Amino acid sequence: MRPISTILQRGTSRRTAATALAVAVALAGLAGAPAGSSADPSLGALNRRLGSEQARQGHLEASLSGLGQLISSLSGQIALVQSRESAVRADLAGDRLRLALTTRALGAERRRLAILRAQLARARMVLARQLVSRYESDSPDLVDVVLEAHGFTDLLDRITYLGDAERQQQRVIAVTRVARARAAAGAAALARLAGAEQRLAQAAAVRAQALAGMNQLLEAKQATLAHAQAIQRAALNASRAASGAIRSQIARVEAQQAAAALAASSPITHGPAIGASGGWAVPYAIVLCESGGQNLPPNSAGASGYYQILPSTWRLFGGTGPAAYLASKAEQDAVASRIWNGGAGASNWVCAGIVGIH
């Protein structure tokens, strides 16, 4: 492509200049497209891409809204699980207390049963001895006792002894029966306590398992929720960033098309020339491509003003203030002239290459 200065000097027609600038706009659109993209850089294609991203954002926002409802529902479930967890903990504490009391009572009953069994063993031993002694010796006959007695006093003593012996034997029999009944009752009580201890232990184990299951459910739901939130928020942020980039491309293409329309509506030969005397410090075609001849605020890269100068470049070449668009046009002209440096600094403007000025 021939430099724009040559076109101006030879008086090329308005149609040729407009066509060249339109080609430059197309090249700028291609340059602004994401790397590896084969999409059409036209405004129609960019708007379709923007619409697609906005639709995707709508779906993501709807999904996030649904996720928010799930969060609210999950909060209710969490509260319910936590209340049940508190109840289970209280019941478990009660079960453990009852189990401790039952275990203590079981130990006491075992000791009591051991004592009763020892008493029963002694009673049985005494009764056995008495029965053996009675079996081995003849039963005393009342006539023999009377005949063998030495007087009335001896007779009374013998009769009293026989009565005492009979009563003692009956007491031993009664004690043995009571001891046997108590031992049987103690064994039954011990069996009941053992069963109660086993039931309480099983109940405590079941409640502990239920508590662990509730905690696992709560942790799993929280992890799933956090993961889903992170994924959808990342996707939404990425889509918004892509939309912002597409909007920047659309704005750039629209500015370039406006510049092309402006160049087509008026003879290029009437535009300002290079230098302060022509009204611009750089070729007018570059100004049209960069800003359309307007004092623009900072774009996404931070470039601003008539010449779209970056803040770092503005300060490097002596500009005052934080950004070019805040300075007067005269100061912007002076800084741009220093950057341009007779054409040596043309590479500082992307549009210089677009319009064919190197």
Protein backbone atom coordinates (compact mmCIF):
# COMPACT_ATOMS: atom_id res chain seq x y z
CA MET A 1 0.00 0.00 0.00
CA ARG A 2 1.37 3.45 -0.95
CA PRO A 3 1.91 6.04 1.82
CA ILE A 4 -1.02 8.44 2.35
CA SER A 5 1.25 11.43 1.66
CA THR A 6 1.83 10.14 -1.88
CA ILE A 7 -1.91 9.79 -2.38
CA LEU A 8 -2.41 13.39 -1.29
CA GLN A 9 0.35 14.70 -3.54
CA ARG A 10 -1.00 12.94 -6.66
CA GLY A 11 -4.58 14.03 -5.99
CA THR A 12 -6.07 10.55 -5.91
CA SER A 13 -9.84 10.52 -6.19
CA ARG A 14 -12.17 10.42 -3.16
CA ARG A 15 -13.36 6.91 -4.06
CA THR A 16 -9.80 5.50 -4.03
CA ALA A 17 -9.01 7.07 -0.65
CA ALA A 18 -12.24 5.82 0.87
CA THR A 19 -11.55 2.32 -0.44
CA ALA A 20 -8.03 2.35 1.01
CA LEU A 21 -9.29 3.46 4.39
CA ALA A 22 -12.01 0.78 4.37
CA VAL A 23 -9.34 -1.85 3.71
CA ALA A 24 -7.36 -0.38 6.61
CA VAL A 25 -10.42 -0.71 8.87
CA ALA A 26 -10.77 -4.37 7.89
CA LEU A 27 -7.11 -4.97 8.66
CA ALA A 28 -7.53 -3.27 12.04
CA GLY A 29 -10.45 -5.54 12.83
CA LEU A 30 -8.38 -8.58 11.99
CA ALA A 31 -5.56 -7.31 14.14
CA GLY A 32 -7.93 -6.81 17.08
CA ALA A 33 -9.49 -10.29 16.82
CA PRO A 34 -8.35 -12.92 19.35
CA ALA A 35 -5.37 -15.04 18.34
CA GLY A 36 -6.39 -18.12 16.41
CA SER A 37 -9.92 -16.79 15.71
CA SER A 38 -11.30 -17.27 12.21
CA ALA A 39 -14.42 -15.14 12.89
CA ASP A 40 -15.45 -12.37 10.49
CA PRO A 41 -14.12 -9.05 11.94
CA SER A 42 -17.09 -7.08 10.59
CA LEU A 43 -19.50 -5.29 12.88
CA GLY A 44 -22.17 -7.89 12.13
CA ALA A 45 -19.91 -10.74 13.20
CA LEU A 46 -18.76 -8.86 16.31
CA ASN A 47 -22.34 -8.08 17.28
CA ARG A 48 -23.29 -11.72 16.78
CA ARG A 49 -20.41 -12.78 19.00
CA LEU A 50 -21.45 -10.19 21.58
CA GLY A 51 -25.05 -11.44 21.43
CA SER A 52 -23.83 -14.99 21.90
CA GLU A 53 -21.76 -14.01 24.92
CA GLN A 54 -24.67 -12.03 26.38
CA ALA A 55 -26.97 -15.02 25.90
CA ARG A 56 -24.37 -17.20 27.60
CA GLN A 57 -24.20 -14.70 30.45
CA GLY A 58 -27.99 -14.83 30.72
CA HIS A 59 -27.89 -18.61 31.00
CA LEU A 60 -25.10 -18.43 33.59
CA GLU A 61 -26.91 -15.77 35.60
CA ALA A 62 -30.09 -17.86 35.52
CA SER A 63 -28.07 -20.88 36.61
CA LEU A 64 -26.48 -18.87 39.40
CA SER A 65 -29.94 -17.68 40.44
CA GLY A 66 -31.08 -21.29 40.58
CA LEU A 67 -27.94 -22.10 42.53
CA GLY A 68 -28.83 -19.30 44.94
CA GLN A 69 -32.21 -20.94 45.49
CA LEU A 70 -30.42 -24.21 46.12
CA ILE A 71 -28.20 -22.40 48.60
CA SER A 72 -31.27 -21.12 50.45
CA SER A 73 -32.78 -24.60 50.44
CA LEU A 74 -29.48 -26.07 51.56
CA SER A 75 -29.30 -23.54 54.39
CA GLY A 76 -32.65 -24.84 55.63
CA GLN A 77 -31.42 -28.41 55.31
CA ILE A 78 -28.23 -27.52 57.14
CA ALA A 79 -30.23 -25.95 59.97
CA LEU A 80 -32.40 -29.08 60.16
CA VAL A 81 -29.38 -31.38 60.17
CA GLN A 82 -27.73 -29.27 62.84
CA SER A 83 -30.84 -29.37 65.03
CA ARG A 84 -31.02 -33.13 64.56
CA GLU A 85 -27.32 -33.35 65.29
CA SER A 86 -27.86 -31.49 68.57
CA ALA A 87 -30.73 -33.82 69.47
CA VAL A 88 -28.66 -36.88 68.60
CA ARG A 89 -25.77 -35.58 70.69
CA ALA A 90 -28.12 -35.04 73.64
CA ASP A 91 -29.66 -38.50 73.24
CA LEU A 92 -26.23 -40.03 72.86
CA ALA A 93 -25.06 -38.35 76.05
CA GLY A 94 -28.16 -39.69 77.84
CA ASP A 95 -27.56 -43.18 76.46
CA ARG A 96 -23.96 -43.09 77.61
CA LEU A 97 -25.01 -41.96 81.10
CA ARG A 98 -27.62 -44.71 81.33
CA LEU A 99 -25.09 -47.19 80.03
CA ALA A 100 -22.61 -46.12 82.71
CA LEU A 101 -25.28 -46.47 85.44
CA THR A 102 -26.35 -49.84 84.06
CA THR A 103 -22.75 -51.02 83.93
CA ARG A 104 -22.26 -49.94 87.55
CA ALA A 105 -25.49 -51.68 88.61
CA LEU A 106 -24.45 -54.76 86.68
CA GLY A 107 -21.17 -54.91 88.55
CA ALA A 108 -22.96 -54.56 91.91
CA GLU A 109 -25.47 -57.26 90.94
CA ARG A 110 -22.64 -59.58 89.94
CA ARG A 111 -21.00 -59.10 93.34
CA ARG A 112 -24.33 -59.68 95.11
CA LEU A 113 -24.96 -62.80 93.07
CA ALA A 114 -21.54 -64.10 94.00
CA ILE A 115 -22.36 -63.57 97.70
CA LEU A 116 -25.76 -65.28 97.31
CA ARG A 117 -24.21 -68.21 95.53
CA ALA A 118 -21.60 -68.56 98.30
CA GLN A 119 -24.38 -68.48 100.93
CA LEU A 120 -26.32 -71.07 98.96
CA ALA A 121 -23.24 -73.27 98.75
CA ARG A 122 -22.69 -73.07 102.54
CA ALA A 123 -26.37 -73.76 103.26
CA ARG A 124 -26.35 -76.73 100.93
CA MET A 125 -23.18 -78.05 102.59
CA VAL A 126 -24.68 -77.76 106.11
CA LEU A 127 -27.92 -79.33 104.99
CA ALA A 128 -26.07 -82.15 103.29
CA ARG A 129 -24.06 -82.85 106.42
CA GLN A 130 -27.16 -82.90 108.56
CA LEU A 131 -28.95 -85.20 106.17
CA VAL A 132 -25.98 -87.54 106.07
CA SER A 133 -25.70 -87.49 109.86
CA ARG A 134 -29.38 -88.18 110.26
CA TYR A 135 -29.24 -90.98 107.72
CA GLU A 136 -26.24 -92.60 109.39
CA SER A 137 -27.65 -92.42 112.93
CA ASP A 138 -30.97 -93.94 114.07
CA SER A 139 -33.78 -91.57 114.74
CA PRO A 140 -34.23 -91.31 118.54
CA ASP A 141 -37.49 -92.85 119.81
CA LEU A 142 -39.45 -90.98 122.50
CA VAL A 143 -39.77 -94.17 124.67
CA ASP A 144 -36.00 -94.71 124.49
CA VAL A 145 -35.40 -91.14 125.47
CA VAL A 146 -37.70 -91.51 128.50
CA LEU A 147 -36.17 -94.77 129.57
CA GLU A 148 -32.61 -93.57 129.15
CA ALA A 149 -33.19 -90.29 130.97
CA HIS A 150 -31.67 -89.93 134.41
CA GLY A 151 -34.41 -88.11 136.11
CA PHE A 152 -36.92 -85.57 135.10
CA THR A 153 -34.39 -82.79 134.49
CA ASP A 154 -32.33 -84.94 132.14
CA LEU A 155 -35.52 -85.92 130.33
CA LEU A 156 -36.40 -82.28 129.79
CA ASP A 157 -32.90 -81.55 128.51
CA ARG A 158 -33.07 -84.45 126.06
CA ILE A 159 -36.50 -83.41 124.77
CA THR A 160 -35.31 -79.76 124.42
CA TYR A 161 -32.20 -80.88 122.50
CA LEU A 162 -34.27 -82.94 120.12
CA GLY A 163 -36.61 -79.98 119.53
CA ASP A 164 -33.67 -77.62 118.98
CA ALA A 165 -32.06 -80.03 116.55
CA GLU A 166 -35.30 -80.31 114.57
CA ARG A 167 -35.78 -76.54 114.48
CA GLN A 168 -32.18 -75.97 113.44
CA GLN A 169 -32.58 -78.43 110.62
CA GLN A 170 -35.74 -76.66 109.48
CA ARG A 171 -33.92 -73.29 109.62
CA VAL A 172 -31.10 -74.69 107.54
CA ILE A 173 -33.62 -75.95 105.02
CA ALA A 174 -35.38 -72.56 104.98
CA VAL A 175 -32.09 -70.67 104.62
CA THR A 176 -31.11 -72.94 101.77
CA ARG A 177 -34.41 -72.33 100.03
CA VAL A 178 -34.14 -68.55 100.49
CA ALA A 179 -30.52 -68.55 99.31
CA ARG A 180 -31.49 -70.57 96.27
CA ALA A 181 -34.39 -68.23 95.46
CA ARG A 182 -32.20 -65.14 95.90
CA ALA A 183 -29.49 -66.63 93.75
CA ALA A 184 -32.02 -67.39 91.03
CA ALA A 185 -33.48 -63.86 91.29
CA GLY A 186 -29.97 -62.38 91.17
CA ALA A 187 -29.14 -64.41 88.08
CA ALA A 188 -32.33 -63.21 86.38
CA ALA A 189 -31.60 -59.59 87.34
CA LEU A 190 -28.07 -60.00 86.05
CA ALA A 191 -29.39 -61.31 82.74
CA ARG A 192 -31.81 -58.37 82.45
CA LEU A 193 -29.04 -55.86 83.18
CA ALA A 194 -26.74 -57.54 80.68
CA GLY A 195 -29.48 -57.32 78.04
CA ALA A 196 -30.11 -53.67 78.90
CA GLU A 197 -26.40 -52.93 78.68
CA GLN A 198 -26.21 -54.56 75.27
CA ARG A 199 -29.26 -52.63 74.01
CA LEU A 200 -27.88 -49.34 75.27
CA ALA A 201 -24.51 -50.02 73.71
CA GLN A 202 -26.15 -50.85 70.38
CA ALA A 203 -28.34 -47.73 70.59
CA ALA A 204 -25.29 -45.59 71.30
CA ALA A 205 -23.47 -47.11 68.32
CA VAL A 206 -26.46 -46.53 66.02
CA ARG A 207 -26.77 -42.91 67.11
CA ALA A 208 -23.05 -42.35 66.66
CA GLN A 209 -23.30 -43.75 63.12
CA ALA A 210 -26.29 -41.52 62.41
CA LEU A 211 -24.36 -38.50 63.64
CA ALA A 212 -21.39 -39.38 61.42
CA GLY A 213 -23.72 -39.81 58.43
CA MET A 214 -25.33 -36.42 59.06
CA ASN A 215 -21.94 -34.74 59.23
CA GLN A 216 -20.81 -36.42 56.01
CA LEU A 217 -24.00 -35.32 54.26
CA LEU A 218 -23.50 -31.74 55.42
CA GLU A 219 -19.85 -31.64 54.38
CA ALA A 220 -20.61 -33.19 50.97
CA LYS A 221 -23.36 -30.66 50.24
CA GLN A 222 -21.17 -27.75 51.28
CA ALA A 223 -18.29 -28.96 49.10
CA THR A 224 -20.58 -29.50 46.10
CA LEU A 225 -22.11 -26.07 46.54
CA ALA A 226 -18.73 -24.34 46.79
CA HIS A 227 -17.47 -26.18 43.70
CA ALA A 228 -20.54 -25.29 41.63
CA GLN A 229 -20.36 -21.65 42.71
CA ALA A 230 -16.67 -21.40 41.79
CA ILE A 231 -17.18 -22.96 38.35
CA GLN A 232 -20.19 -20.84 37.39
CA ARG A 233 -18.72 -17.60 38.72
CA ALA A 234 -15.50 -18.24 36.80
CA ALA A 235 -17.50 -18.94 33.64
CA LEU A 236 -19.58 -15.79 34.13
CA ASN A 237 -16.49 -13.65 34.73
CA ALA A 238 -14.82 -15.10 31.63
CA SER A 239 -17.91 -14.39 29.53
CA ARG A 240 -18.09 -10.83 30.84
CA ALA A 241 -14.42 -10.31 30.05
CA ALA A 242 -15.00 -11.66 26.53
CA SER A 243 -17.98 -9.33 26.12
CA GLY A 244 -15.84 -6.39 27.21
CA ALA A 245 -13.19 -7.29 24.66
CA ILE A 246 -15.80 -7.61 21.91
CA ARG A 247 -17.31 -4.25 22.85
CA SER A 248 -13.86 -2.69 22.62
CA GLN A 249 -13.45 -4.20 19.15
CA ILE A 250 -16.88 -2.91 18.14
CA ALA A 251 -16.06 0.57 19.40
CA ARG A 252 -12.77 0.55 17.51
CA VAL A 253 -14.36 -0.64 14.29
CA GLU A 254 -17.15 1.91 14.63
CA ALA A 255 -14.58 4.68 15.18
CA GLN A 256 -12.62 3.54 12.17
CA GLN A 257 -15.77 3.35 10.06
CA ALA A 258 -16.72 6.84 11.22
CA ALA A 259 -13.28 8.02 10.19
CA ALA A 260 -13.71 6.33 6.81
CA ALA A 261 -17.12 7.93 6.36
CA LEU A 262 -15.72 11.32 7.29
CA ALA A 263 -12.88 10.89 4.82
CA ALA A 264 -15.33 9.84 2.10
CA SER A 265 -17.68 12.79 2.73
CA SER A 266 -15.00 15.49 2.31
CA PRO A 267 -11.95 15.75 0.02
CA ILE A 268 -8.88 14.42 1.78
CA THR A 269 -6.83 17.18 0.19
CA HIS A 270 -8.76 19.67 2.36
CA GLY A 271 -7.78 17.93 5.62
CA PRO A 272 -5.05 19.25 7.91
CA ALA A 273 -1.52 18.45 6.84
CA ILE A 274 1.46 17.32 8.90
CA GLY A 275 2.77 19.75 11.50
CA ALA A 276 1.32 22.46 13.71
CA SER A 277 0.61 24.73 10.75
CA GLY A 278 -1.82 22.16 9.35
CA GLY A 279 -3.60 21.78 12.68
CA TRP A 280 -2.20 18.32 13.52
CA ALA A 281 1.20 17.10 14.65
CA VAL A 282 0.90 13.79 12.75
CA PRO A 283 -0.72 12.91 9.40
CA TYR A 284 -4.47 13.52 9.47
CA ALA A 285 -5.21 9.96 8.32
CA ILE A 286 -3.60 8.62 11.51
CA VAL A 287 -5.65 11.04 13.62
CA LEU A 288 -8.86 9.91 11.90
CA CYS A 289 -7.99 6.27 12.44
CA GLU A 290 -6.99 6.73 16.08
CA SER A 291 -9.63 9.14 17.44
CA GLY A 292 -11.72 10.49 14.57
CA GLY A 293 -10.32 13.89 15.48
CA GLN A 294 -11.94 13.83 18.95
CA ASN A 295 -10.40 14.28 22.41
CA LEU A 296 -11.33 10.80 23.61
CA PRO A 297 -11.16 9.59 27.24
CA PRO A 298 -8.92 6.58 28.04
CA ASN A 299 -9.75 3.31 26.29
CA SER A 300 -9.25 -0.16 27.76
CA ALA A 301 -5.48 0.16 27.26
CA GLY A 302 -5.38 3.64 28.82
CA ALA A 303 -4.64 5.61 25.61
CA SER A 304 -6.50 8.94 25.37
CA GLY A 305 -6.73 12.31 23.66
CA TYR A 306 -6.66 13.34 20.01
CA TYR A 307 -3.61 11.16 19.35
CA GLN A 308 -4.50 8.23 21.66
CA ILE A 309 -1.29 8.49 23.69
CA LEU A 310 -0.61 6.03 26.52
CA PRO A 311 0.05 7.56 29.99
CA SER A 312 3.60 6.19 30.09
CA THR A 313 4.40 7.63 26.63
CA TRP A 314 2.72 10.92 27.57
CA ARG A 315 4.97 11.34 30.61
CA LEU A 316 8.07 10.11 28.74
CA PHE A 317 7.75 12.86 26.12
CA GLY A 318 7.11 15.67 28.57
CA GLY A 319 3.32 15.73 28.95
CA THR A 320 1.90 17.23 32.14
CA GLY A 321 -0.87 15.67 34.17
CA PRO A 322 -1.85 11.99 34.42
CA ALA A 323 -3.32 11.57 30.90
CA ALA A 324 -3.28 13.24 27.49
CA TYR A 325 -7.02 13.98 27.23
CA LEU A 326 -6.82 16.21 30.32
CA ALA A 327 -4.30 18.55 28.60
CA SER A 328 -5.02 21.25 26.03
CA LYS A 329 -4.89 20.46 22.32
CA ALA A 330 -1.78 22.64 22.00
CA GLU A 331 0.08 20.56 24.57
CA GLN A 332 -1.14 17.35 22.96
CA ASP A 333 0.12 18.65 19.59
CA ALA A 334 3.52 19.46 21.10
CA VAL A 335 3.89 16.03 22.76
CA ALA A 336 2.66 14.21 19.62
CA SER A 337 5.16 16.21 17.53
CA ARG A 338 7.99 15.05 19.76
CA ILE A 339 6.78 11.46 19.54
CA TRP A 340 6.37 11.70 15.74
CA ASN A 341 9.84 13.22 15.29
CA GLY A 342 9.53 13.73 11.58
CA GLY A 343 8.16 10.24 11.02
CA ALA A 344 10.80 8.39 13.04
CA GLY A 345 8.22 7.66 15.74
CA ALA A 346 5.43 6.52 13.41
CA SER A 347 5.56 3.02 14.90
CA ASN A 348 4.10 4.45 18.14
CA TRP A 349 0.69 4.56 16.38
CA VAL A 350 -0.90 1.28 15.24
CA CYS A 351 -2.97 3.23 12.73
CA ALA A 352 0.18 4.42 10.97
CA GLY A 353 0.73 0.92 9.64
CA ILE A 354 -2.99 0.50 8.96
CA VAL A 355 -3.18 3.58 6.68
CA GLY A 356 0.13 2.75 5.03
CA ILE A 357 2.46 5.28 6.71
CA HIS A 358 5.74 3.82 7.88
